[in-house]
Amino acid sequence: MASILLVDDDLTRRNELKLLLEFMECVVAGAITTNELAARIRGEGVGRVDALILGPCSGAGEQLEVLRSVRQVDAHLPLISLSLPSCPLSRELDAIVLANLELPLRRASLEGGLERLAVFREIRGGRGRHRNSELFRALVGTSQRIQVVRRLIERVAGSDSNVLITGESGTGKEVVARHVHYHSTRRSKPFVPVNCGAIPPDLLESELFGHEKGAFTGAITARQGRFEMADGGTLFLDEIGDMSLTMQVKLLRVLQERTFERVGSNRSISANVRIVAATHVDLERAIEQGRFRQDLFFRLNVFPIETPSLRERYDDLPLLVNDLVERLRHEGGAVIRLTPEALTCLSHYPWPGNVRELANLVERLAILYPNALVDVQDLPAKYRGGGAASSPQPMIGDSTDVTDSTAVTPSADMSANVSADLSATVALASLPRQGLDLKEHLNQLEFSLIQQALEESAWVVAHAAKRLHMGRTTLVEKMRKFGLQREEDASGY
């Protein structure tokens, strides 16, 4: 749970945001005014907090001065800014803001900001102040599949075991590789990537192992290879499935003996590197077809991590879009916003290019509709195929155990079944002759369906939320509203 210091001069908004943060399981270390923050800095400092949430600026000069004081106390304290679009302080804060959320504040935006804070804390670990601050943008999402990936990274990072990352193109395999490196004890050493599929086979040996002067035509000077460049750190072998069989033999020898020679030399060099490999190819099928060596596969596949496709993590679409929009803004691009209907449409598209395709789409929309609200009709035709109202909106906030690697993906059949069930439920209802209290009736219906979903899911909230097509945190809120809890365990859910 993140510990947050909330600073806002508006009493009503400050109290409402404090309640919302506590509901979202954050520890509010204080809810104070700008003047109280200044006094605290002059006295004991900001204290042991993970982030500062700062309300909109009433006096830009005064507030900027306070922020400079904060930076003198803790230059690395993350900041989430709540501001109006026209706030004169916004541009001044670009270099230090983790997230800049516009008012009126939407819960989805706040969840996105807190998610970025969680990843930022995860990478920095509370100690690694020297780590690359840009990495907090990388593993965006709260879906069960991305949480599995995070937990696997956490488990393997402390060892020196080889890691094999698999998944479709565009799913962020290098992002995962960089997280493995920056969570490891090698994080202060180089992370050296090489795309095995982008380098001609006859040049790959020299690229990996280096060469001596005169080793071949054009070798006018000696040159280090990627293994030497990565000494003490991590060597990331991307698209390892495209490596030729000849090079596979040479790589296998290096992995077995932990030494190599430059091309044109017989002097052995120690290979003190950790190998993280990645591929979109099914290596086991490639082995059957004779295109990949089985012994090399076993050497690489010590700890496998599968990056989920975007189809398997639709829940993360709103957060991913928000992150991509923020990146464009920081790069000086136009800012766009997508309506819930547009996001629902995108959640029905199969995304063959995964997150890379989504990034391209967001950039294209920012060019076409700068600083505008993008609705369904503004999307390119192929992204509108799913329809805006044929299925529920993507859920945010589901979690699961690390051993559960399945994900619920919307489908046409699922939507049809849900619609049919809902129609049958509604058909059973009839209006009494004397009328009824509609609000109370709907509350009772909602209570009954939630209770049924919980009982059928053995009171596993994440599973019940999926059955009800809502986020886990939304369901927890409704359970508290109705006082729903398991009889044999009244302590929680």
Protein backbone atom coordinates (compact mmCIF):
# COMPACT_ATOMS: atom_id res chain seq x y z
CA MET A 1 0.00 0.00 0.00
CA ALA A 2 1.35 3.39 -1.01
CA SER A 3 1.68 6.13 1.63
CA ILE A 4 0.51 9.42 0.13
CA LEU A 5 0.65 13.00 1.36
CA LEU A 6 -2.38 14.88 0.00
CA VAL A 7 -2.02 18.66 -0.42
CA ASP A 8 -5.02 20.72 -1.56
CA ASP A 9 -6.34 24.10 -0.45
CA ASP A 10 -9.94 23.10 -1.27
CA LEU A 11 -11.34 21.48 1.90
CA THR A 12 -14.25 19.67 0.20
CA ARG A 13 -12.13 18.20 -2.58
CA ARG A 14 -9.38 17.28 -0.11
CA ASN A 15 -11.77 15.33 2.13
CA GLU A 16 -13.45 13.58 -0.81
CA LEU A 17 -10.11 12.58 -2.31
CA LYS A 18 -8.88 11.34 1.08
CA LEU A 19 -11.88 9.01 1.37
CA LEU A 20 -11.39 7.77 -2.20
CA LEU A 21 -7.68 7.08 -1.65
CA GLU A 22 -8.43 5.16 1.56
CA PHE A 23 -11.07 3.13 -0.26
CA MET A 24 -8.45 2.30 -2.91
CA GLU A 25 -6.25 0.94 -0.10
CA CYS A 26 -3.76 3.81 0.01
CA VAL A 27 -2.40 5.12 3.30
CA VAL A 28 -3.07 8.86 3.52
CA ALA A 29 -0.16 10.17 5.58
CA GLY A 30 -1.79 13.59 5.75
CA ALA A 31 -4.42 15.78 4.08
CA ILE A 32 -3.15 19.32 4.41
CA THR A 33 -3.09 22.75 2.76
CA THR A 34 -0.24 24.30 0.80
CA ASN A 35 0.66 26.52 3.78
CA GLU A 36 0.70 23.51 6.10
CA LEU A 37 3.02 21.72 3.66
CA ALA A 38 5.39 24.71 3.65
CA ALA A 39 5.40 24.72 7.47
CA ARG A 40 6.06 20.99 7.57
CA ILE A 41 9.00 21.35 5.18
CA ARG A 42 10.50 24.07 7.35
CA GLY A 43 10.15 21.80 10.35
CA GLU A 44 10.44 18.03 10.00
CA GLY A 45 10.28 17.71 6.20
CA VAL A 46 7.63 15.83 4.24
CA GLY A 47 8.13 12.64 6.24
CA ARG A 48 8.30 9.04 5.04
CA VAL A 49 5.81 9.08 2.17
CA ASP A 50 5.81 7.39 -1.24
CA ALA A 51 4.22 10.23 -3.20
CA LEU A 52 2.78 13.72 -3.03
CA ILE A 53 -0.62 14.51 -4.54
CA LEU A 54 -0.88 18.23 -5.17
CA GLY A 55 -4.14 20.05 -5.87
CA PRO A 56 -4.57 22.76 -8.52
CA CYS A 57 -2.56 25.95 -8.26
CA SER A 58 -4.18 29.06 -6.87
CA GLY A 59 -0.95 31.02 -6.86
CA ALA A 60 1.51 29.53 -9.34
CA GLY A 61 4.56 31.40 -8.05
CA GLU A 62 3.94 30.51 -4.42
CA GLN A 63 3.17 26.88 -5.19
CA LEU A 64 6.21 26.46 -7.41
CA GLU A 65 8.33 27.81 -4.56
CA VAL A 66 6.86 25.18 -2.24
CA LEU A 67 7.63 22.45 -4.78
CA ARG A 68 11.21 23.62 -5.04
CA SER A 69 11.40 23.31 -1.27
CA VAL A 70 10.06 19.75 -1.53
CA ARG A 71 12.74 18.96 -4.09
CA GLN A 72 15.42 20.21 -1.70
CA VAL A 73 14.15 17.82 0.96
CA ASP A 74 13.63 14.85 -1.38
CA ALA A 75 14.65 15.31 -5.00
CA HIS A 76 13.13 11.94 -6.00
CA LEU A 77 9.70 12.14 -4.35
CA PRO A 78 7.09 11.27 -7.04
CA LEU A 79 4.38 13.85 -7.64
CA ILE A 80 0.83 13.38 -8.91
CA SER A 81 -0.62 16.73 -9.92
CA LEU A 82 -4.32 17.61 -10.03
CA SER A 83 -4.77 20.62 -12.25
CA LEU A 84 -7.06 22.47 -14.58
CA PRO A 85 -6.09 22.27 -18.28
CA SER A 86 -5.18 25.97 -18.23
CA CYS A 87 -3.09 25.77 -15.06
CA PRO A 88 0.07 27.88 -15.65
CA LEU A 89 2.08 25.54 -13.44
CA SER A 90 1.51 22.42 -15.54
CA ARG A 91 4.35 22.99 -18.02
CA GLU A 92 6.73 23.99 -15.22
CA LEU A 93 6.08 20.62 -13.56
CA ASP A 94 6.63 18.36 -16.58
CA ALA A 95 10.08 17.30 -15.44
CA ILE A 96 8.95 16.11 -12.00
CA VAL A 97 5.35 14.95 -12.43
CA LEU A 98 4.58 11.24 -12.40
CA ALA A 99 1.03 11.90 -13.57
CA ASN A 100 -0.90 15.11 -14.30
CA LEU A 101 -4.63 14.49 -13.80
CA GLU A 102 -7.17 17.03 -14.97
CA LEU A 103 -10.16 18.10 -12.92
CA PRO A 104 -12.93 17.19 -12.54
CA LEU A 105 -11.11 14.04 -11.44
CA ARG A 106 -12.33 10.71 -12.78
CA ARG A 107 -11.71 7.54 -10.84
CA ALA A 108 -10.18 5.80 -13.87
CA SER A 109 -7.63 8.62 -14.16
CA LEU A 110 -6.74 8.35 -10.49
CA GLU A 111 -6.36 4.57 -10.82
CA GLY A 112 -4.01 5.15 -13.75
CA GLY A 113 -1.92 7.60 -11.72
CA LEU A 114 -1.71 5.21 -8.76
CA GLU A 115 -0.79 2.36 -11.10
CA ARG A 116 2.13 4.38 -12.44
CA LEU A 117 3.14 5.12 -8.87
CA ALA A 118 3.04 1.39 -8.04
CA VAL A 119 5.30 0.53 -10.98
CA PHE A 120 7.59 3.46 -10.14
CA ARG A 121 7.93 2.19 -6.55
CA GLU A 122 8.43 -1.37 -7.78
CA ILE A 123 11.33 -0.40 -10.03
CA ARG A 124 12.98 1.93 -7.54
CA GLY A 125 12.43 -0.52 -4.72
CA GLY A 126 12.62 2.32 -2.19
CA ARG A 127 16.41 2.19 -2.50
CA GLY A 128 17.46 2.26 -6.14
CA ARG A 129 17.43 6.03 -6.57
CA HIS A 130 19.96 5.76 -9.39
CA ARG A 131 17.78 3.60 -11.63
CA ASN A 132 16.47 4.75 -14.97
CA SER A 133 13.46 6.91 -14.09
CA GLU A 134 11.88 6.34 -17.51
CA LEU A 135 11.26 2.67 -16.74
CA PHE A 136 8.27 3.42 -14.52
CA ARG A 137 6.30 3.91 -17.75
CA ALA A 138 6.88 0.38 -18.94
CA LEU A 139 4.77 -2.39 -17.36
CA VAL A 140 1.41 -0.62 -17.36
CA GLY A 141 -1.68 -2.54 -16.28
CA THR A 142 -3.54 -4.14 -13.40
CA SER A 143 -4.94 -7.22 -15.17
CA GLN A 144 -4.28 -10.67 -13.77
CA ARG A 145 -1.96 -11.58 -16.66
CA ILE A 146 0.32 -8.57 -16.22
CA GLN A 147 0.39 -9.16 -12.46
CA VAL A 148 1.59 -12.70 -13.12
CA VAL A 149 4.42 -11.28 -15.24
CA ARG A 150 5.41 -8.84 -12.49
CA ARG A 151 5.53 -11.61 -9.89
CA LEU A 152 7.62 -13.85 -12.13
CA ILE A 153 10.07 -10.97 -12.70
CA GLU A 154 10.29 -10.47 -8.95
CA ARG A 155 11.03 -14.16 -8.38
CA VAL A 156 13.74 -14.57 -11.01
CA ALA A 157 15.45 -11.17 -10.77
CA GLY A 158 17.55 -12.05 -7.74
CA SER A 159 19.17 -15.06 -9.43
CA ASP A 160 21.54 -15.29 -12.40
CA SER A 161 19.42 -17.89 -14.20
CA ASN A 162 18.82 -17.56 -17.94
CA VAL A 163 15.36 -16.26 -18.82
CA LEU A 164 13.36 -16.99 -21.98
CA ILE A 165 10.60 -14.48 -22.75
CA THR A 166 7.97 -15.61 -25.23
CA GLY A 167 4.97 -13.89 -26.72
CA GLU A 168 3.56 -12.32 -29.86
CA SER A 169 5.24 -9.40 -31.60
CA GLY A 170 4.47 -6.07 -29.97
CA THR A 171 3.69 -7.42 -26.49
CA GLY A 172 6.68 -5.75 -24.80
CA LYS A 173 9.22 -8.55 -24.44
CA GLU A 174 12.13 -6.10 -24.23
CA VAL A 175 10.24 -4.16 -21.56
CA VAL A 176 10.07 -7.35 -19.48
CA ALA A 177 13.77 -8.04 -20.13
CA ARG A 178 14.72 -4.57 -18.92
CA HIS A 179 12.66 -5.05 -15.77
CA VAL A 180 14.43 -8.34 -15.06
CA HIS A 181 17.75 -6.51 -15.39
CA TYR A 182 16.81 -3.48 -13.30
CA HIS A 183 15.42 -5.65 -10.51
CA SER A 184 18.62 -7.72 -10.39
CA THR A 185 21.95 -7.21 -8.65
CA ARG A 186 23.40 -6.43 -12.10
CA ARG A 187 21.32 -3.28 -12.52
CA SER A 188 24.36 -0.96 -12.16
CA LYS A 189 26.02 -2.76 -15.09
CA PRO A 190 25.08 -2.52 -18.80
CA PHE A 191 21.92 -3.87 -20.38
CA VAL A 192 22.93 -4.69 -23.95
CA PRO A 193 20.22 -5.65 -26.48
CA VAL A 194 20.86 -7.30 -29.82
CA ASN A 195 18.22 -8.29 -32.39
CA CYS A 196 19.38 -11.65 -33.72
CA GLY A 197 16.88 -11.51 -36.58
CA ALA A 198 17.96 -8.08 -37.83
CA ILE A 199 21.66 -8.93 -38.32
CA PRO A 200 22.80 -11.05 -41.31
CA PRO A 201 23.98 -14.51 -40.18
CA ASP A 202 27.53 -13.95 -41.50
CA LEU A 203 27.86 -10.79 -39.35
CA LEU A 204 26.13 -11.98 -36.19
CA GLU A 205 29.20 -13.84 -34.87
CA SER A 206 31.30 -10.68 -35.06
CA GLU A 207 28.44 -8.65 -33.54
CA LEU A 208 28.19 -10.97 -30.54
CA PHE A 209 31.84 -11.92 -29.95
CA GLY A 210 33.77 -9.08 -31.59
CA HIS A 211 36.72 -9.42 -33.98
CA GLU A 212 40.41 -8.66 -34.27
CA LYS A 213 41.97 -6.36 -36.83
CA GLY A 214 42.27 -8.11 -40.20
CA ALA A 215 40.01 -11.03 -39.17
CA PHE A 216 38.07 -10.56 -42.43
CA THR A 217 37.79 -8.13 -45.29
CA GLY A 218 36.79 -4.75 -43.89
CA ALA A 219 37.98 -5.44 -40.33
CA ILE A 220 40.37 -2.49 -40.27
CA THR A 221 40.36 -2.25 -36.46
CA ALA A 222 39.68 -4.57 -33.55
CA ARG A 223 36.15 -4.38 -32.18
CA GLN A 224 34.39 -5.45 -28.99
CA GLY A 225 31.34 -7.68 -29.31
CA ARG A 226 28.09 -7.46 -27.38
CA PHE A 227 29.26 -10.07 -24.85
CA GLU A 228 32.18 -7.83 -23.86
CA MET A 229 30.00 -4.72 -23.80
CA ALA A 230 27.60 -6.48 -21.40
CA ASP A 231 30.35 -7.62 -19.01
CA GLY A 232 28.88 -7.86 -15.52
CA GLY A 233 25.42 -7.00 -16.81
CA THR A 234 22.68 -8.50 -18.97
CA LEU A 235 22.78 -9.50 -22.65
CA PHE A 236 19.33 -9.45 -24.22
CA LEU A 237 19.09 -11.72 -27.28
CA ASP A 238 15.91 -10.63 -29.03
CA GLU A 239 14.30 -12.83 -31.72
CA ILE A 240 16.54 -15.76 -30.75
CA GLY A 241 14.28 -18.03 -32.84
CA ASP A 242 15.62 -16.41 -36.02
CA MET A 243 19.25 -17.32 -35.27
CA SER A 244 20.92 -19.69 -37.74
CA LEU A 245 21.80 -23.23 -36.65
CA THR A 246 25.52 -22.47 -37.06
CA MET A 247 25.32 -19.57 -34.64
CA GLN A 248 23.17 -21.60 -32.28
CA VAL A 249 26.06 -24.07 -31.90
CA LYS A 250 28.51 -21.27 -31.10
CA LEU A 251 26.13 -19.63 -28.63
CA LEU A 252 25.54 -22.97 -26.89
CA ARG A 253 29.29 -23.37 -26.38
CA VAL A 254 29.50 -19.94 -24.74
CA LEU A 255 26.59 -20.75 -22.42
CA GLN A 256 28.21 -24.06 -21.43
CA GLU A 257 31.81 -22.88 -20.99
CA ARG A 258 31.22 -19.22 -20.09
CA THR A 259 34.06 -18.19 -22.41
CA PHE A 260 34.34 -17.05 -26.04
CA GLU A 261 36.90 -15.85 -28.57
CA ARG A 262 36.79 -12.88 -30.86
CA VAL A 263 36.67 -13.66 -34.57
CA GLY A 264 40.31 -14.03 -35.71
CA SER A 265 41.65 -14.67 -32.18
CA ASN A 266 42.39 -17.75 -30.10
CA ARG A 267 42.45 -15.91 -26.76
CA SER A 268 39.56 -16.92 -24.48
CA ILE A 269 37.56 -14.16 -22.81
CA SER A 270 35.39 -14.78 -19.79
CA ALA A 271 31.65 -14.19 -20.38
CA ASN A 272 30.34 -12.72 -17.12
CA VAL A 273 26.88 -11.94 -18.42
CA ARG A 274 23.33 -12.95 -17.73
CA ILE A 275 21.41 -14.13 -20.77
CA VAL A 276 17.82 -13.03 -21.29
CA ALA A 277 16.42 -14.23 -24.62
CA ALA A 278 13.11 -13.49 -26.33
CA THR A 279 11.19 -14.81 -29.31
CA HIS A 280 7.76 -14.76 -30.93
CA VAL A 281 8.53 -18.17 -32.49
CA ASP A 282 7.20 -21.42 -31.00
CA LEU A 283 10.63 -22.91 -30.25
CA GLU A 284 9.31 -26.38 -29.43
CA ARG A 285 7.71 -26.56 -32.87
CA ALA A 286 10.91 -25.15 -34.40
CA ILE A 287 12.81 -27.98 -32.70
CA GLU A 288 10.48 -30.55 -34.30
CA GLN A 289 11.08 -28.90 -37.68
CA GLY A 290 14.85 -28.96 -37.20
CA ARG A 291 15.18 -25.15 -37.12
CA PHE A 292 16.25 -24.83 -33.48
CA ARG A 293 18.56 -26.90 -31.32
CA GLN A 294 16.92 -28.68 -28.42
CA ASP A 295 20.02 -28.46 -26.21
CA LEU A 296 20.16 -24.67 -26.69
CA PHE A 297 16.45 -24.44 -25.88
CA PHE A 298 16.99 -26.20 -22.57
CA ARG A 299 19.90 -23.87 -21.75
CA LEU A 300 17.80 -20.79 -22.44
CA ASN A 301 14.48 -21.96 -21.03
CA VAL A 302 15.58 -22.14 -17.38
CA PHE A 303 12.92 -19.62 -16.35
CA PRO A 304 10.22 -18.94 -18.95
CA ILE A 305 8.06 -15.80 -18.89
CA GLU A 306 5.17 -15.41 -21.34
CA THR A 307 4.11 -11.86 -22.21
CA PRO A 308 0.33 -11.78 -22.71
CA SER A 309 -1.21 -10.48 -25.89
CA LEU A 310 -3.45 -7.43 -25.69
CA ARG A 311 -6.42 -9.75 -26.34
CA GLU A 312 -5.62 -11.42 -23.00
CA ARG A 313 -5.48 -8.15 -21.05
CA TYR A 314 -8.36 -6.01 -22.35
CA ASP A 315 -8.78 -4.71 -18.78
CA ASP A 316 -5.57 -2.72 -19.23
CA LEU A 317 -6.68 -0.83 -22.34
CA PRO A 318 -7.74 2.38 -20.52
CA LEU A 319 -4.48 2.50 -18.55
CA LEU A 320 -2.38 1.77 -21.64
CA VAL A 321 -4.14 4.48 -23.63
CA ASN A 322 -3.68 6.95 -20.78
CA ASP A 323 0.03 6.11 -20.55
CA LEU A 324 0.54 6.47 -24.31
CA VAL A 325 -1.27 9.82 -24.32
CA GLU A 326 0.96 11.01 -21.46
CA ARG A 327 4.06 9.96 -23.39
CA LEU A 328 2.95 11.99 -26.39
CA ARG A 329 2.29 14.97 -24.15
CA HIS A 330 5.75 14.79 -22.60
CA GLU A 331 7.25 14.58 -26.08
CA GLY A 332 5.45 17.77 -27.05
CA GLY A 333 2.63 16.11 -28.95
CA ALA A 334 -1.08 16.85 -28.86
CA VAL A 335 -3.25 15.52 -26.04
CA ILE A 336 -6.35 13.47 -26.82
CA ARG A 337 -9.02 11.77 -24.75
CA LEU A 338 -11.13 8.76 -25.70
CA THR A 339 -14.78 8.37 -24.75
CA PRO A 340 -15.86 5.21 -22.86
CA GLU A 341 -17.70 4.11 -26.03
CA ALA A 342 -14.50 4.41 -28.08
CA LEU A 343 -12.59 2.37 -25.50
CA THR A 344 -15.32 -0.27 -25.57
CA CYS A 345 -14.97 -0.49 -29.35
CA LEU A 346 -11.22 -0.93 -29.03
CA SER A 347 -11.77 -3.73 -26.50
CA HIS A 348 -13.44 -5.83 -29.23
CA TYR A 349 -10.64 -5.46 -31.77
CA PRO A 350 -8.23 -8.47 -31.91
CA TRP A 351 -5.00 -6.36 -31.87
CA PRO A 352 -2.67 -8.51 -33.99
CA GLY A 353 0.06 -5.90 -33.41
CA ASN A 354 -0.66 -5.75 -29.67
CA VAL A 355 0.61 -2.76 -27.64
CA ARG A 356 2.82 -1.60 -30.51
CA GLU A 357 -0.27 -1.34 -32.72
CA LEU A 358 -2.15 0.48 -29.97
CA ALA A 359 0.70 2.99 -29.65
CA ASN A 360 0.59 3.63 -33.41
CA LEU A 361 -3.17 4.18 -33.26
CA VAL A 362 -2.94 6.66 -30.37
CA GLU A 363 -0.25 8.62 -32.20
CA ARG A 364 -2.35 8.66 -35.39
CA LEU A 365 -5.42 9.89 -33.50
CA ALA A 366 -3.36 12.63 -31.84
CA ILE A 367 -2.33 13.83 -35.31
CA LEU A 368 -5.86 13.67 -36.70
CA TYR A 369 -7.69 15.11 -33.68
CA PRO A 370 -5.20 17.20 -31.67
CA ASN A 371 -6.43 18.22 -28.21
CA ALA A 372 -9.87 16.72 -28.88
CA LEU A 373 -12.24 14.12 -27.48
CA VAL A 374 -12.14 11.01 -29.71
CA ASP A 375 -15.44 9.16 -30.10
CA VAL A 376 -16.38 5.95 -31.92
CA GLN A 377 -16.96 7.65 -35.28
CA ASP A 378 -13.45 9.12 -35.13
CA LEU A 379 -11.78 5.70 -35.01
CA PRO A 380 -10.50 4.11 -38.24
CA ALA A 381 -13.11 1.76 -39.72
CA LYS A 382 -11.42 -1.51 -38.74
CA TYR A 383 -11.41 -0.53 -35.05
CA ARG A 384 -15.16 0.18 -35.09
CA GLY A 385 -16.12 -3.36 -36.05
CA GLY A 386 -16.94 -4.48 -32.51
CA GLY A 387 -19.61 -1.84 -31.95
CA ALA A 388 -19.85 0.50 -29.00
CA ALA A 389 -22.65 -1.18 -27.10
CA SER A 390 -22.51 -4.88 -27.97
CA SER A 391 -20.53 -5.87 -24.85
CA PRO A 392 -19.62 -4.46 -21.45
CA GLN A 393 -16.75 -2.03 -21.05
CA PRO A 394 -13.32 -3.39 -20.11
CA MET A 395 -12.82 -4.07 -16.42
CA ILE A 396 -10.02 -2.53 -14.37
CA GLY A 397 -8.40 -3.87 -11.25
CA ASP A 398 -8.84 -7.67 -11.27
CA SER A 399 -6.12 -9.62 -9.50
CA THR A 400 -5.24 -13.27 -9.13
CA ASP A 401 -2.62 -15.59 -7.75
CA VAL A 402 0.60 -16.05 -9.69
CA THR A 403 -0.34 -19.61 -10.59
CA ASP A 404 -3.48 -18.49 -12.39
CA SER A 405 -2.41 -17.45 -15.89
CA THR A 406 -5.82 -17.45 -17.56
CA ALA A 407 -7.74 -14.35 -18.59
CA VAL A 408 -11.30 -13.67 -19.61
CA THR A 409 -11.48 -12.32 -23.16
CA PRO A 410 -14.69 -10.84 -24.52
CA SER A 411 -16.17 -12.71 -27.47
CA ALA A 412 -19.21 -12.51 -29.67
CA ASP A 413 -20.62 -15.76 -28.25
CA MET A 414 -20.10 -14.59 -24.69
CA SER A 415 -21.84 -11.28 -25.42
CA ALA A 416 -24.78 -13.08 -27.06
CA ASN A 417 -25.18 -15.42 -24.06
CA VAL A 418 -25.04 -12.54 -21.60
CA SER A 419 -27.64 -10.60 -23.62
CA ALA A 420 -29.92 -13.65 -23.75
CA ASP A 421 -29.60 -14.25 -20.00
CA LEU A 422 -30.28 -10.60 -19.26
CA SER A 423 -33.34 -10.60 -21.52
CA ALA A 424 -34.67 -13.68 -19.74
CA THR A 425 -34.13 -12.03 -16.34
CA VAL A 426 -35.93 -8.86 -17.39
CA ALA A 427 -38.80 -10.85 -18.89
CA LEU A 428 -39.54 -12.37 -15.47
CA ALA A 429 -40.20 -8.92 -14.02
CA SER A 430 -43.62 -7.34 -14.27
CA LEU A 431 -44.96 -4.08 -12.88
CA PRO A 432 -47.52 -4.64 -10.06
CA ARG A 433 -50.88 -2.96 -10.48
CA GLN A 434 -50.22 -0.79 -7.43
CA GLY A 435 -46.80 0.23 -8.77
CA LEU A 436 -43.46 -0.10 -6.94
CA ASP A 437 -40.46 1.80 -5.66
CA LEU A 438 -38.17 1.33 -8.66
CA LYS A 439 -34.98 2.35 -6.86
CA GLU A 440 -35.60 -0.09 -4.02
CA HIS A 441 -36.57 -2.83 -6.46
CA LEU A 442 -33.34 -2.37 -8.45
CA ASN A 443 -31.31 -2.36 -5.24
CA GLN A 444 -32.87 -5.67 -4.23
CA LEU A 445 -32.22 -7.13 -7.68
CA GLU A 446 -28.59 -5.94 -7.57
CA PHE A 447 -28.13 -7.37 -4.07
CA SER A 448 -29.56 -10.72 -5.13
CA LEU A 449 -27.40 -11.04 -8.25
CA ILE A 450 -24.20 -10.04 -6.41
CA GLN A 451 -24.92 -12.53 -3.63
CA GLN A 452 -25.57 -15.26 -6.20
CA ALA A 453 -22.34 -14.48 -8.07
CA LEU A 454 -20.33 -14.59 -4.82
CA GLU A 455 -21.84 -17.89 -3.73
CA GLU A 456 -21.27 -19.48 -7.14
CA SER A 457 -17.66 -18.24 -7.08
CA ALA A 458 -16.96 -19.59 -3.56
CA TRP A 459 -16.73 -15.95 -2.40
CA VAL A 460 -13.65 -15.30 -4.51
CA VAL A 461 -14.30 -11.64 -5.28
CA ALA A 462 -12.17 -11.49 -8.46
CA HIS A 463 -14.10 -14.44 -9.96
CA ALA A 464 -17.48 -13.02 -8.96
CA ALA A 465 -16.53 -9.66 -10.48
CA LYS A 466 -15.83 -11.38 -13.81
CA ARG A 467 -19.24 -13.04 -13.74
CA LEU A 468 -20.82 -9.64 -13.18
CA HIS A 469 -18.59 -7.92 -15.77
CA MET A 470 -17.33 -5.30 -13.34
CA GLY A 471 -14.01 -4.40 -11.75
CA ARG A 472 -12.99 -6.02 -8.49
CA THR A 473 -12.81 -2.72 -6.62
CA THR A 474 -16.29 -1.80 -7.86
CA LEU A 475 -17.66 -5.09 -6.53
CA VAL A 476 -15.93 -4.61 -3.16
CA GLU A 477 -17.56 -1.17 -2.93
CA LYS A 478 -21.00 -2.63 -3.61
CA MET A 479 -20.42 -5.42 -1.06
CA ARG A 480 -19.69 -2.80 1.56
CA LYS A 481 -22.79 -0.86 0.51
CA PHE A 482 -25.03 -3.93 1.02
CA GLY A 483 -23.10 -5.34 4.02
CA LEU A 484 -22.35 -8.56 2.13
CA GLN A 485 -19.75 -10.85 3.70
CA ARG A 486 -19.23 -14.57 4.17
CA GLU A 487 -20.95 -15.75 7.34
CA GLU A 488 -18.06 -17.93 8.52
CA ASP A 489 -15.54 -15.16 7.89
CA ALA A 490 -16.91 -11.77 8.89
CA SER A 491 -13.44 -10.23 8.77
CA GLY A 492 -13.42 -9.47 5.05
CA TYR A 493 -13.45 -10.72 1.52
